[in-house]
């Protein structure tokens, strides 16, 4: 990945803590452990991309150790009460860093942002990390949570086949209304002055919000290939897809996408059902 577009204060790519002050229970030598369901990208992919894009060492516990899925199950067990400083997580992704244990994708990314150089320096831009978080939440709302609900609009615990007719209605509205709305929003963000040039969402440099937007765009492209192709062909969202292509070819991101560490889409958030996409 080119480094000339990022300031030295945001170039932490060795996994060391950024200059954000000490954190109780952690040190520069503490390793990062990502605990997420094995075999799928899911919400854990946003955490992986933050590590991969910055060249930060981490352990993808369920995929690369003998702990496997038990690492997830033990954390979300109703017998787990947490400890003196960490409440128990409801669901993965879960990050372990020293004695710190965090859950919820945006919370984990906020924690990692300063440490990995993926948010502005708060000494120079005190509100920047909050803007990055807001952009991230928006992408996750409209390009992750809502796509999931197109195939499970009634009950997440029920089979798709049990809610297929409702899913068709939900997906039709998402394709026609919601997907263009969110693409249009990020197009405005990239054309606005806070983007500082339209290359990235905020501040003219790569942040974790760009990585989240990249993966969510990739996911909706898998789930709705015909609809996405038609939206791209309009030219109305060229800045958005320009960011997607820009992140995709960053050196470390590109290497990760070509590796076995990158898991393929299957039965997770992004699923492709012919009947939920545009007609030919």
Protein backbone atom coordinates (compact mmCIF):
# COMPACT_ATOMS: atom_id res chain seq x y z
CA UNK A 1 0.00 0.00 0.00
CA UNK A 2 1.33 3.43 -0.86
CA UNK A 3 2.33 5.43 2.17
CA UNK A 4 2.72 8.87 0.65
CA UNK A 5 -0.98 9.63 1.09
CA UNK A 6 -0.92 9.20 4.85
CA UNK A 7 0.71 11.42 7.44
CA UNK A 8 3.32 9.96 9.76
CA UNK A 9 0.93 10.29 12.68
CA UNK A 10 -1.48 7.92 10.93
CA UNK A 11 1.01 5.51 9.44
CA UNK A 12 1.15 3.01 12.29
CA UNK A 13 1.38 -0.27 10.40
CA UNK A 14 3.34 -2.42 12.82
CA UNK A 15 0.53 -3.12 15.25
CA UNK A 16 1.95 -0.82 17.93
CA UNK A 17 -0.27 1.55 19.83
CA UNK A 18 -0.65 5.01 18.34
CA UNK A 19 0.19 8.06 20.43
CA UNK A 20 -3.15 8.06 22.22
CA UNK A 21 -1.89 7.53 25.74
CA UNK A 22 -1.64 4.31 27.75
CA UNK A 23 -4.57 1.92 27.98
CA UNK A 24 -5.07 -0.01 31.20
CA UNK A 25 -4.44 -3.71 30.74
CA UNK A 26 -2.54 -3.43 27.46
CA UNK A 27 0.99 -2.83 26.29
CA UNK A 28 2.70 -2.50 22.93
CA UNK A 29 3.60 -6.18 23.13
CA UNK A 30 0.04 -7.44 23.56
CA UNK A 31 -1.26 -9.39 20.58
CA UNK A 32 -4.60 -8.88 18.91
CA UNK A 33 -7.00 -11.84 18.85
CA UNK A 34 -10.10 -11.71 16.66
CA UNK A 35 -12.84 -14.11 17.70
CA UNK A 36 -15.47 -14.64 15.04
CA UNK A 37 -17.38 -17.48 13.37
CA UNK A 38 -15.09 -19.60 11.20
CA UNK A 39 -15.41 -19.88 7.44
CA UNK A 40 -17.35 -16.71 6.62
CA UNK A 41 -16.44 -13.01 6.24
CA UNK A 42 -19.38 -11.66 8.24
CA UNK A 43 -19.01 -8.68 10.54
CA UNK A 44 -15.59 -9.90 11.52
CA UNK A 45 -14.34 -8.96 8.06
CA UNK A 46 -14.31 -5.29 8.97
CA UNK A 47 -11.87 -6.04 11.77
CA UNK A 48 -9.71 -8.23 9.53
CA UNK A 49 -9.50 -5.48 6.92
CA UNK A 50 -8.31 -2.96 9.51
CA UNK A 51 -5.49 -5.31 10.49
CA UNK A 52 -4.68 -6.36 6.94
CA UNK A 53 -4.67 -2.86 5.44
CA UNK A 54 -2.19 -1.68 8.07
CA UNK A 55 0.00 -4.78 8.10
CA UNK A 56 -0.86 -5.41 11.74
CA UNK A 57 -0.25 -8.88 13.16
CA UNK A 58 -3.34 -10.57 14.59
CA UNK A 59 -4.72 -14.04 15.24
CA UNK A 60 -7.97 -15.04 13.57
CA UNK A 61 -8.69 -17.46 16.38
CA UNK A 62 -11.54 -19.62 15.04
CA UNK A 63 -9.96 -19.96 11.59
CA UNK A 64 -6.30 -20.52 12.49
CA UNK A 65 -6.09 -22.17 15.93
CA UNK A 66 -7.24 -25.40 17.54
CA UNK A 67 -9.74 -23.41 19.58
CA UNK A 68 -11.96 -23.23 16.50
CA UNK A 69 -15.60 -22.35 16.97
CA UNK A 70 -15.35 -23.10 20.69
CA UNK A 71 -13.55 -19.77 21.06
CA UNK A 72 -16.80 -18.09 19.98
CA UNK A 73 -19.17 -20.38 21.84
CA UNK A 74 -17.40 -20.02 25.16
CA UNK A 75 -17.59 -16.23 24.93
CA UNK A 76 -21.30 -16.05 24.09
CA UNK A 77 -22.34 -18.83 26.47
CA UNK A 78 -25.04 -17.88 28.97
CA UNK A 79 -22.63 -19.12 31.62
CA UNK A 80 -20.09 -16.41 30.77
CA UNK A 81 -20.51 -13.49 33.16
CA UNK A 82 -17.43 -11.58 32.03
CA UNK A 83 -14.85 -10.35 34.53
CA UNK A 84 -14.10 -7.34 36.71
CA UNK A 85 -13.46 -5.00 33.77
CA UNK A 86 -15.16 -6.68 30.79
CA UNK A 87 -18.89 -7.41 30.50
CA UNK A 88 -19.71 -10.59 28.58
CA UNK A 89 -20.26 -10.16 24.83
CA UNK A 90 -23.61 -10.94 23.30
CA UNK A 91 -22.23 -11.96 19.93
CA UNK A 92 -19.07 -11.83 17.83
CA UNK A 93 -16.98 -10.18 16.53
CA UNK A 94 -14.95 -10.04 19.71
CA UNK A 95 -11.51 -8.52 20.11
CA UNK A 96 -9.05 -9.56 22.81
CA UNK A 97 -6.11 -7.24 23.40
CA UNK A 98 -4.23 -7.89 26.60
CA UNK A 99 -6.85 -7.90 29.33
CA UNK A 100 -9.27 -5.84 27.23
CA UNK A 101 -12.17 -7.68 25.63
CA UNK A 102 -14.52 -5.78 23.31
CA UNK A 103 -17.50 -6.66 21.15
CA UNK A 104 -19.60 -4.85 18.52
CA UNK A 105 -17.93 -4.00 15.21
CA UNK A 106 -18.07 -0.16 15.52
CA UNK A 107 -16.75 -0.30 19.09
CA UNK A 108 -13.82 -2.50 18.07
CA UNK A 109 -13.00 -0.29 15.09
CA UNK A 110 -13.09 2.80 17.29
CA UNK A 111 -10.63 1.12 19.66
CA UNK A 112 -8.34 0.09 16.82
CA UNK A 113 -8.63 3.34 14.87
CA UNK A 114 -6.15 5.34 16.93
CA UNK A 115 -3.84 2.38 17.47
CA UNK A 116 -3.60 1.48 13.78
CA UNK A 117 -3.57 5.00 12.36
CA UNK A 118 -7.02 4.69 10.79
CA UNK A 119 -8.53 7.86 12.24
CA UNK A 120 -7.27 11.44 12.26
CA UNK A 121 -4.93 12.53 15.03
CA UNK A 122 -7.28 13.91 17.73
CA UNK A 123 -4.72 16.59 18.58
CA UNK A 124 -5.13 17.99 15.07
CA UNK A 125 -8.81 17.12 14.50
CA UNK A 126 -10.64 16.49 17.80
CA UNK A 127 -13.92 15.57 16.11
CA UNK A 128 -12.42 13.49 13.32
CA UNK A 129 -12.70 10.10 14.96
CA UNK A 130 -16.39 10.76 15.62
CA UNK A 131 -16.99 11.64 11.97
CA UNK A 132 -15.26 8.42 10.94
CA UNK A 133 -17.44 6.48 13.36
CA UNK A 134 -20.60 8.12 12.03
CA UNK A 135 -19.69 7.28 8.43
CA UNK A 136 -18.99 3.71 9.51
CA UNK A 137 -22.32 3.36 11.29
CA UNK A 138 -24.12 4.68 8.21
CA UNK A 139 -22.42 2.18 5.91
CA UNK A 140 -23.19 -0.68 8.30
CA UNK A 141 -26.82 0.41 8.59
CA UNK A 142 -27.63 0.69 4.91
CA UNK A 143 -25.15 -1.62 3.23
CA UNK A 144 -24.83 -4.43 5.78
CA UNK A 145 -27.80 -4.63 8.15
CA UNK A 146 -30.41 -3.84 5.52
CA UNK A 147 -29.04 -6.31 2.93
CA UNK A 148 -29.16 -8.99 5.63
CA UNK A 149 -32.80 -8.17 6.27
CA UNK A 150 -33.69 -8.67 2.61
CA UNK A 151 -33.29 -12.42 3.02
CA UNK A 152 -34.48 -12.56 6.63
CA UNK A 153 -37.14 -9.83 6.88
CA UNK A 154 -39.34 -11.57 9.46
CA UNK A 155 -37.23 -13.69 11.78
CA UNK A 156 -33.43 -14.09 11.74
CA UNK A 157 -33.77 -17.52 13.36
CA UNK A 158 -36.12 -18.88 10.69
CA UNK A 159 -35.08 -20.36 7.35
CA UNK A 160 -35.09 -18.14 4.27
CA UNK A 161 -37.59 -20.48 2.63
CA UNK A 162 -40.05 -19.78 5.44
CA UNK A 163 -40.09 -16.06 4.65
CA UNK A 164 -39.37 -16.10 0.94
CA UNK A 165 -42.39 -14.10 -0.20
CA UNK A 166 -41.74 -11.39 2.39
CA UNK A 167 -38.08 -11.39 1.36
CA UNK A 168 -39.02 -10.67 -2.25
CA UNK A 169 -40.96 -7.59 -1.17
CA UNK A 170 -38.21 -6.41 1.14
CA UNK A 171 -35.53 -6.93 -1.50
CA UNK A 172 -37.54 -5.09 -4.16
CA UNK A 173 -37.78 -2.03 -1.92
CA UNK A 174 -34.11 -2.26 -1.00
CA UNK A 175 -33.01 -2.42 -4.63
CA UNK A 176 -35.30 0.37 -5.77
CA UNK A 177 -35.12 2.78 -2.83
CA UNK A 178 -32.68 2.02 -0.07
CA UNK A 179 -29.56 0.99 -2.00
CA UNK A 180 -29.61 4.09 -4.25
CA UNK A 181 -30.25 6.26 -1.18
CA UNK A 182 -27.10 5.07 0.60
CA UNK A 183 -24.97 5.13 -2.53
CA UNK A 184 -26.17 8.67 -3.15
CA UNK A 185 -25.30 9.69 0.38
CA UNK A 186 -21.72 8.46 0.11
CA UNK A 187 -21.43 10.11 -3.30
CA UNK A 188 -22.29 13.41 -1.59
CA UNK A 189 -19.77 12.74 1.16
CA UNK A 190 -17.00 12.15 -1.38
CA UNK A 191 -17.90 15.31 -3.29
CA UNK A 192 -18.05 17.38 -0.12
CA UNK A 193 -15.23 19.50 1.33
CA UNK A 194 -14.72 17.29 4.40
CA UNK A 195 -13.53 14.50 2.10
CA UNK A 196 -10.63 16.76 1.05
CA UNK A 197 -10.32 15.64 -2.51
CA UNK A 198 -12.82 12.85 -3.06
CA UNK A 199 -10.31 10.03 -2.79
CA UNK A 200 -11.45 8.94 0.65
CA UNK A 201 -14.46 9.67 2.84
CA UNK A 202 -12.86 11.97 5.38
CA UNK A 203 -9.77 14.09 5.67
CA UNK A 204 -8.11 13.05 2.41
CA UNK A 205 -6.65 9.88 3.91
CA UNK A 206 -7.60 6.25 4.40
CA UNK A 207 -9.68 5.58 7.51
CA UNK A 208 -11.48 2.50 8.72
CA UNK A 209 -14.70 4.00 7.34
CA UNK A 210 -13.26 3.57 3.83
CA UNK A 211 -12.47 -0.07 4.56
CA UNK A 212 -15.99 -0.64 5.87
CA UNK A 213 -17.53 1.02 2.82
CA UNK A 214 -15.30 -1.07 0.57
CA UNK A 215 -16.42 -4.35 2.10
CA UNK A 216 -20.10 -3.43 2.20
CA UNK A 217 -19.99 -2.43 -1.46
CA UNK A 218 -18.30 -5.72 -2.24
CA UNK A 219 -21.01 -7.55 -0.32
CA UNK A 220 -23.97 -5.90 -2.04
CA UNK A 221 -22.25 -6.53 -5.39
CA UNK A 222 -22.26 -10.23 -4.53
CA UNK A 223 -25.83 -10.26 -3.27
CA UNK A 224 -27.37 -8.12 -6.04
CA UNK A 225 -25.01 -8.30 -9.03
CA UNK A 226 -27.55 -7.27 -11.67
CA UNK A 227 -28.89 -4.34 -9.66
CA UNK A 228 -25.42 -3.10 -8.77
CA UNK A 229 -24.26 -3.36 -12.37
CA UNK A 230 -27.18 -1.21 -13.51
CA UNK A 231 -26.58 1.36 -10.79
CA UNK A 232 -22.91 1.57 -11.71
CA UNK A 233 -23.79 2.02 -15.36
CA UNK A 234 -25.83 5.16 -14.58
CA UNK A 235 -22.65 7.02 -13.64
CA UNK A 236 -24.47 8.59 -10.70
CA UNK A 237 -22.15 6.99 -8.15
CA UNK A 238 -18.77 7.16 -9.85
CA UNK A 239 -17.03 8.63 -6.80
CA UNK A 240 -18.31 5.77 -4.63
CA UNK A 241 -17.12 3.09 -7.01
CA UNK A 242 -13.90 4.98 -7.51
CA UNK A 243 -13.23 4.62 -3.77
CA UNK A 244 -14.11 0.92 -3.99
CA UNK A 245 -11.58 0.33 -6.75
CA UNK A 246 -8.99 2.50 -5.00
CA UNK A 247 -9.15 0.49 -1.78
CA UNK A 248 -9.24 -2.79 -3.65
CA UNK A 249 -5.83 -2.21 -5.25
CA UNK A 250 -4.03 -0.94 -2.15
CA UNK A 251 -1.01 -3.19 -1.85
CA UNK A 252 -1.80 -4.85 1.47
CA UNK A 253 -5.54 -5.06 0.77
CA UNK A 254 -4.95 -6.58 -2.66
CA UNK A 255 -2.60 -9.18 -1.20
CA UNK A 256 -5.14 -10.07 1.46
CA UNK A 257 -8.01 -10.41 -1.02
CA UNK A 258 -5.92 -12.87 -3.05
CA UNK A 259 -5.00 -14.94 0.01
CA UNK A 260 -6.71 -17.84 1.74
CA UNK A 261 -7.30 -15.58 4.73
CA UNK A 262 -10.09 -13.87 2.82
CA UNK A 263 -13.20 -16.03 3.23
CA UNK A 264 -15.76 -16.39 0.46
CA UNK A 265 -19.37 -15.30 0.79
CA UNK A 266 -21.76 -18.10 1.68
CA UNK A 267 -24.62 -18.16 4.17
CA UNK A 268 -23.74 -15.01 6.07
CA UNK A 269 -24.86 -11.41 5.76
CA UNK A 270 -24.50 -11.25 1.99
CA UNK A 271 -26.33 -14.01 0.12
CA UNK A 272 -27.19 -14.19 -3.53
CA UNK A 273 -30.67 -15.42 -4.35
CA UNK A 274 -31.69 -15.01 -7.98
CA UNK A 275 -35.24 -14.09 -7.05
CA UNK A 276 -34.07 -11.23 -4.81
CA UNK A 277 -32.03 -9.51 -7.52
CA UNK A 278 -33.20 -7.50 -10.54
CA UNK A 279 -34.64 -9.47 -13.40
CA UNK A 280 -32.43 -10.03 -16.45
